[in-house]
Protein backbone atom coordinates (compact mmCIF):
# COMPACT_ATOMS: atom_id res chain seq x y z
CA MET A 1 51.95 29.71 8.55
CA GLN A 2 50.75 33.60 8.85
CA GLN A 3 53.33 36.18 11.03
CA LYS A 4 51.94 37.23 13.95
CA PHE A 5 51.62 40.90 14.35
CA ASP A 6 54.28 42.54 16.90
CA PRO A 7 53.40 46.07 17.76
CA LYS A 8 56.78 46.68 18.87
CA TYR A 9 58.90 45.69 16.42
CA HIS A 10 56.53 45.32 12.71
CA PRO A 11 55.44 49.40 12.85
CA GLN A 12 59.16 50.49 12.94
CA LEU A 13 60.67 47.99 10.77
CA ILE A 14 58.30 49.06 8.23
CA LYS A 15 58.71 52.79 8.94
CA TRP A 16 62.21 52.35 8.39
CA GLN A 17 62.13 50.10 5.16
CA THR A 18 60.01 53.10 3.48
CA ARG A 19 62.27 55.16 4.16
CA SER A 20 64.48 53.38 3.11
CA GLY A 21 62.74 53.70 -0.36
CA LEU A 22 61.26 50.08 0.06
CA THR A 23 57.84 49.82 -2.24
CA VAL A 24 54.88 48.05 -0.27
CA VAL A 25 55.67 44.68 -1.97
CA GLU A 26 59.42 44.77 -0.87
CA VAL A 27 58.36 45.41 2.55
CA CYS A 28 56.33 42.50 2.28
CA LYS A 29 58.86 40.37 1.03
CA GLU A 30 60.96 41.37 3.46
CA LEU A 31 58.46 40.93 6.12
CA LYS A 32 57.56 37.61 4.49
CA ILE A 33 54.11 38.40 4.42
CA SER A 34 50.96 38.92 1.74
CA LYS A 35 50.21 42.43 0.91
CA LYS A 36 46.84 40.98 2.44
CA THR A 37 48.26 40.73 5.65
CA LEU A 38 50.42 44.54 5.38
CA TYR A 39 46.77 46.15 4.61
CA ARG A 40 45.25 44.39 7.21
CA TRP A 41 47.73 45.56 9.57
CA ARG A 42 47.47 48.85 8.16
CA ASN A 43 43.54 48.78 8.64
CA LYS A 44 43.84 47.13 12.49
CA TYR A 45 46.72 48.59 13.89
CA PRO A 46 46.69 52.47 13.75
CA GLU A 47 50.67 52.57 14.32
CA VAL A 48 50.68 50.58 11.01
CA GLU A 49 49.08 53.56 9.03
CA LYS A 50 51.02 56.10 10.64
CA ALA A 51 53.97 54.38 9.98
CA LEU A 52 53.42 54.13 6.21
CA ARG A 53 51.98 57.48 5.85
CA GLU A 54 55.02 59.26 7.90
CA SER A 55 57.32 57.55 5.88
CA ARG A 56 55.96 58.11 2.29
CA ASP A 57 55.74 61.79 3.42
CA PHE A 58 59.57 61.91 4.66
CA THR A 59 60.45 60.45 1.77
CA ASP A 60 58.06 62.93 -0.73
CA SER A 61 59.67 65.62 1.30
CA LEU A 62 63.41 64.44 0.78
CA VAL A 63 62.74 64.14 -3.42
CA GLU A 64 60.93 67.57 -3.16
CA ASP A 65 63.72 69.16 -1.27
CA SER A 66 65.66 67.90 -3.87
CA LEU A 67 64.06 68.59 -7.10
CA LEU A 68 63.59 72.16 -5.48
CA LYS A 69 67.82 72.55 -5.40
CA ARG A 70 67.87 71.51 -9.07
CA ALA A 71 65.27 73.67 -10.13
CA LEU A 72 67.15 76.91 -8.62
CA GLY A 73 70.75 75.10 -9.26
CA PHE A 74 73.10 75.38 -6.34
CA LYS A 75 77.29 75.73 -5.88
CA TYR A 76 79.33 72.71 -3.87
CA ILE A 77 82.85 72.55 -3.41
CA GLU A 78 84.60 69.04 -4.51
CA GLN A 79 87.69 67.62 -3.78
CA SER A 80 89.72 66.59 -6.26
CA VAL A 81 93.70 65.08 -6.51
CA THR A 82 96.33 67.12 -8.51
CA LYS A 83 98.71 64.74 -10.99
CA ALA A 84 101.18 65.99 -7.78
CA GLY A 85 99.27 64.41 -5.55
CA ASP A 86 97.79 67.50 -3.95
CA LEU A 87 94.24 67.46 -2.88
CA VAL A 88 92.43 70.70 -3.74
CA GLU A 89 89.11 72.24 -3.57
CA VAL A 90 87.65 73.71 -6.54
CA ASN A 91 84.52 75.29 -6.61
CA LYS A 92 81.30 73.83 -8.73
CA VAL A 93 78.17 75.45 -10.10
CA VAL A 94 75.12 73.31 -10.90
CA ILE A 95 72.78 75.22 -13.21
CA PRO A 96 69.23 75.53 -12.85
CA ASP A 97 67.76 72.37 -14.38
CA VAL A 98 64.85 73.51 -16.97
CA GLY A 99 63.07 69.74 -16.52
CA ALA A 100 63.11 70.17 -12.90
CA ILE A 101 61.60 73.68 -13.09
CA ALA A 102 58.88 72.55 -15.32
CA LEU A 103 57.90 69.75 -13.32
CA TRP A 104 58.05 71.82 -10.01
CA LEU A 105 55.71 74.43 -11.81
CA LYS A 106 53.40 71.54 -13.35
CA ASN A 107 52.79 69.97 -9.63
CA ARG A 108 52.92 73.46 -7.59
CA ARG A 109 51.01 75.36 -9.77
CA ARG A 110 48.18 73.18 -10.61
CA PRO A 111 45.15 74.44 -12.21
CA ARG A 112 42.60 75.31 -9.28
CA LYS A 113 39.08 75.96 -9.25
CA GLY A 114 38.38 79.74 -10.42
CA ALA A 115 42.06 80.57 -10.95
CA ASP A 116 43.09 82.03 -14.19
CA PRO A 117 44.65 79.24 -16.57
CA ARG A 118 46.95 81.65 -17.76
CA LEU A 119 48.56 81.20 -14.52
CA THR A 120 48.85 77.16 -14.15
CA TRP A 121 51.55 74.98 -15.73
CA GLN A 122 50.56 71.66 -17.30
CA ASP A 123 51.16 69.61 -20.25
CA SER A 124 47.90 68.93 -21.50
CA TYR A 125 44.46 70.17 -20.50
CA ARG A 126 40.93 67.92 -19.61
CA VAL A 127 38.27 68.75 -21.32
CA GLU A 128 34.90 67.80 -20.67
CA PHE A 129 31.74 67.25 -23.03
CA ASP A 130 28.30 67.19 -21.90
CA GLY A 131 26.14 66.33 -25.09
CA GLU A 132 26.08 65.07 -28.35
CA LEU A 133 28.96 64.79 -30.56
CA ASN A 134 27.33 64.13 -34.36
CA VAL A 135 29.97 63.84 -36.67
CA ARG A 136 30.78 61.45 -39.88
CA ALA A 137 33.23 59.86 -40.75
CA ILE A 138 35.15 61.82 -44.12
CA THR A 139 34.30 58.71 -46.04
CA GLU A 140 31.11 59.14 -45.75
CA LEU A 141 30.94 62.84 -46.83
CA SER A 142 29.94 64.03 -50.35
CA ASP A 143 32.21 65.89 -53.05
CA SER A 144 30.11 68.82 -52.54
CA GLU A 145 30.45 68.72 -48.99
CA LEU A 146 34.26 67.97 -48.97
CA LEU A 147 34.96 70.97 -51.09
CA SER A 148 33.11 73.18 -48.89
CA ILE A 149 35.18 71.95 -46.40
CA ALA A 150 38.04 72.19 -47.64
CA ALA A 151 37.13 76.10 -48.45
CA ARG A 152 36.55 76.81 -45.02
CA GLY A 153 39.50 75.05 -43.83
CA ARG A 154 40.28 72.00 -41.80
CA PRO A 155 36.90 70.72 -39.96
CA ARG A 156 37.46 70.81 -35.80
CA ALA A 157 36.40 67.09 -35.63
CA LEU A 158 36.15 64.13 -37.74
CA THR A 159 35.66 60.41 -37.21
CA ALA A 160 38.09 58.11 -38.22
CA PRO A 161 37.29 55.05 -40.83
CA ASP A 162 37.67 53.23 -37.35
CA GLY A 163 34.97 54.90 -35.80
CA SER A 164 37.25 57.10 -33.52
CA ALA A 165 37.18 60.58 -33.35
CA LYS A 166 39.96 63.41 -33.97
CA THR A 167 39.86 66.64 -32.67
CA ASP A 168 42.35 69.63 -33.79
């Protein structure tokens, strides 16, 4: 039997569950509904769409704040107990995390149309090719062609025996 949507109950519950970090699948399991039902509710009831969007945005902002804190480094006070049993406060420092810095820059400094590529951060570049690529497998080249390539240096593109292209 399909669960009936309750506009007073379900949007708040969905919002609370997703803010708690539950995935859509986990929310559905908790509500004892299918993903199809949740998506139908989302499309039919604006309050469900709003609950999902707001909780996602809220959680994303928490993660973003935590990432920024790790990227910049921070200080905190830790309480510990000495061997004598005394409670003492110790000032601690967490140095900036290089991985958090890189992740922040890659996501905040994405390539933008017309922007100087030297001012963006990314692991790889997407190359679009419009035209025809005429390469032959290295096994199809003559000895003189191979010697010519060796004299010039490595070729820019080769085709492997399996037919896949390999580029520098």
